C-alpha atoms as a PDB file:
ATOM      1  CA  MET A   1      62.033  91.544  63.196  1.00  0.00           C
ATOM      2  CA  ASN A   2      58.475  92.613  63.695  1.00  0.00           C
ATOM      3  CA  PRO A   3      57.988  96.514  62.363  1.00  0.00           C
ATOM      4  CA  ALA A   4      56.105  96.978  65.375  1.00  0.00           C
ATOM      5  CA  GLU A   5      59.290  95.731  67.776  1.00  0.00           C
ATOM      6  CA  TRP A   6      61.135  97.665  65.523  1.00  0.00           C
ATOM      7  CA  PHE A   7      59.202 100.805  66.216  1.00  0.00           C
ATOM      8  CA  HIS A   8      59.270 100.224  69.650  1.00  0.00           C
ATOM      9  CA  SER A   9      63.230  99.856  69.727  1.00  0.00           C
ATOM     10  CA  ALA A  10      63.978 103.033  67.868  1.00  0.00           C
ATOM     11  CA  LYS A  11      61.316 105.150  69.950  1.00  0.00           C
ATOM     12  CA  GLN A  12      62.781 103.992  73.265  1.00  0.00           C
ATOM     13  CA  TYR A  13      66.724 104.291  71.929  1.00  0.00           C
ATOM     14  CA  LEU A  14      65.337 108.640  70.930  1.00  0.00           C
ATOM     15  CA  GLU A  15      63.842 108.797  74.388  1.00  0.00           C
ATOM     16  CA  GLU A  16      67.511 107.782  75.789  1.00  0.00           C
ATOM     17  CA  VAL A  17      69.309 109.894  73.336  1.00  0.00           C
ATOM     18  CA  VAL A  18      67.101 113.086  74.645  1.00  0.00           C
ATOM     19  CA  VAL A  19      67.714 111.965  78.366  1.00  0.00           C
ATOM     20  CA  GLU A  20      71.555 111.523  77.744  1.00  0.00           C
ATOM     21  CA  TYR A  21      71.679 114.772  76.108  1.00  0.00           C
ATOM     22  CA  GLN A  22      70.030 117.055  78.493  1.00  0.00           C
ATOM     23  CA  LYS A  23      72.758 115.506  80.905  1.00  0.00           C
ATOM     24  CA  ILE A  24      75.116 117.685  78.735  1.00  0.00           C
ATOM     25  CA  SER A  25      77.168 120.423  80.673  1.00  0.00           C
ATOM     26  CA  TRP A  26      78.488 122.659  77.720  1.00  0.00           C
ATOM     27  CA  PRO A  27      81.349 125.123  78.777  1.00  0.00           C
ATOM     28  CA  PRO A  28      80.792 128.641  78.450  1.00  0.00           C
ATOM     29  CA  GLN A  29      81.719 130.478  74.787  1.00  0.00           C
ATOM     30  CA  LYS A  30      84.535 132.014  76.341  1.00  0.00           C
ATOM     31  CA  GLU A  31      86.039 128.807  77.296  1.00  0.00           C
ATOM     32  CA  ALA A  32      85.263 127.147  74.039  1.00  0.00           C
ATOM     33  CA  ALA A  33      86.777 129.949  71.809  1.00  0.00           C
ATOM     34  CA  ALA A  34      89.785 129.650  74.222  1.00  0.00           C
ATOM     35  CA  GLY A  35      90.217 125.587  73.719  1.00  0.00           C
ATOM     36  CA  THR A  36      89.526 126.507  69.901  1.00  0.00           C
ATOM     37  CA  VAL A  37      92.626 128.896  69.581  1.00  0.00           C
ATOM     38  CA  GLY A  38      94.732 126.473  71.343  1.00  0.00           C
ATOM     39  CA  VAL A  39      94.047 123.718  69.309  1.00  0.00           C
ATOM     40  CA  VAL A  40      94.161 125.793  66.279  1.00  0.00           C
ATOM     41  CA  VAL A  41      97.739 127.333  67.590  1.00  0.00           C
ATOM     42  CA  VAL A  42      99.215 123.396  68.414  1.00  0.00           C
ATOM     43  CA  VAL A  43      97.922 122.396  65.190  1.00  0.00           C
ATOM     44  CA  SER A  44      99.814 124.965  63.498  1.00  0.00           C
ATOM     45  CA  VAL A  45     103.215 125.018  65.512  1.00  0.00           C
ATOM     46  CA  ILE A  46     103.281 120.889  64.896  1.00  0.00           C
ATOM     47  CA  THR A  47     102.333 121.713  61.035  1.00  0.00           C
ATOM     48  CA  VAL A  48     105.293 123.970  60.504  1.00  0.00           C
ATOM     49  CA  ALA A  49     107.753 121.487  62.803  1.00  0.00           C
ATOM     50  CA  LEU A  50     106.586 118.790  60.083  1.00  0.00           C
ATOM     51  CA  GLY A  51     107.091 120.956  57.075  1.00  0.00           C
ATOM     52  CA  VAL A  52     110.435 121.793  58.456  1.00  0.00           C
ATOM     53  CA  VAL A  53     111.734 118.173  58.881  1.00  0.00           C
ATOM     54  CA  ASP A  54     109.990 116.880  55.677  1.00  0.00           C
ATOM     55  CA  PHE A  55     111.737 119.637  53.941  1.00  0.00           C
ATOM     56  CA  GLY A  56     114.758 118.621  55.634  1.00  0.00           C
ATOM     57  CA  LEU A  57     114.415 115.083  54.594  1.00  0.00           C
ATOM     58  CA  ALA A  58     113.813 115.620  50.938  1.00  0.00           C
ATOM     59  CA  GLU A  59     116.884 117.745  50.859  1.00  0.00           C
ATOM     60  CA  ILE A  60     118.615 115.124  52.229  1.00  0.00           C
ATOM     61  CA  MET A  61     117.395 112.425  49.895  1.00  0.00           C
ATOM     62  CA  LYS A  62     118.416 114.907  47.273  1.00  0.00           C
ATOM     63  CA  LYS A  63     121.841 115.105  48.460  1.00  0.00           C
ATOM     64  CA  VAL A  64     122.278 111.203  48.770  1.00  0.00           C
ATOM     65  CA  LEU A  65     120.671 110.490  45.309  1.00  0.00           C
ATOM     66  CA  GLU A  66     122.716 113.031  43.471  1.00  0.00           C
END
């Protein structure tokens, strides 16, 4: 590939990235924080649930293998 073509393609790509970036509508800070808290809560609940299931299955396997 010709270096001049590569430079032109790279420049055009970056210009398009800037145009698309300007189209982004960011949520307000309160909404973003609330979403983050929601995700952390859901992940925590799922983690605890999977931990309980894992512990239970491990105990069952111990009993089976005795």
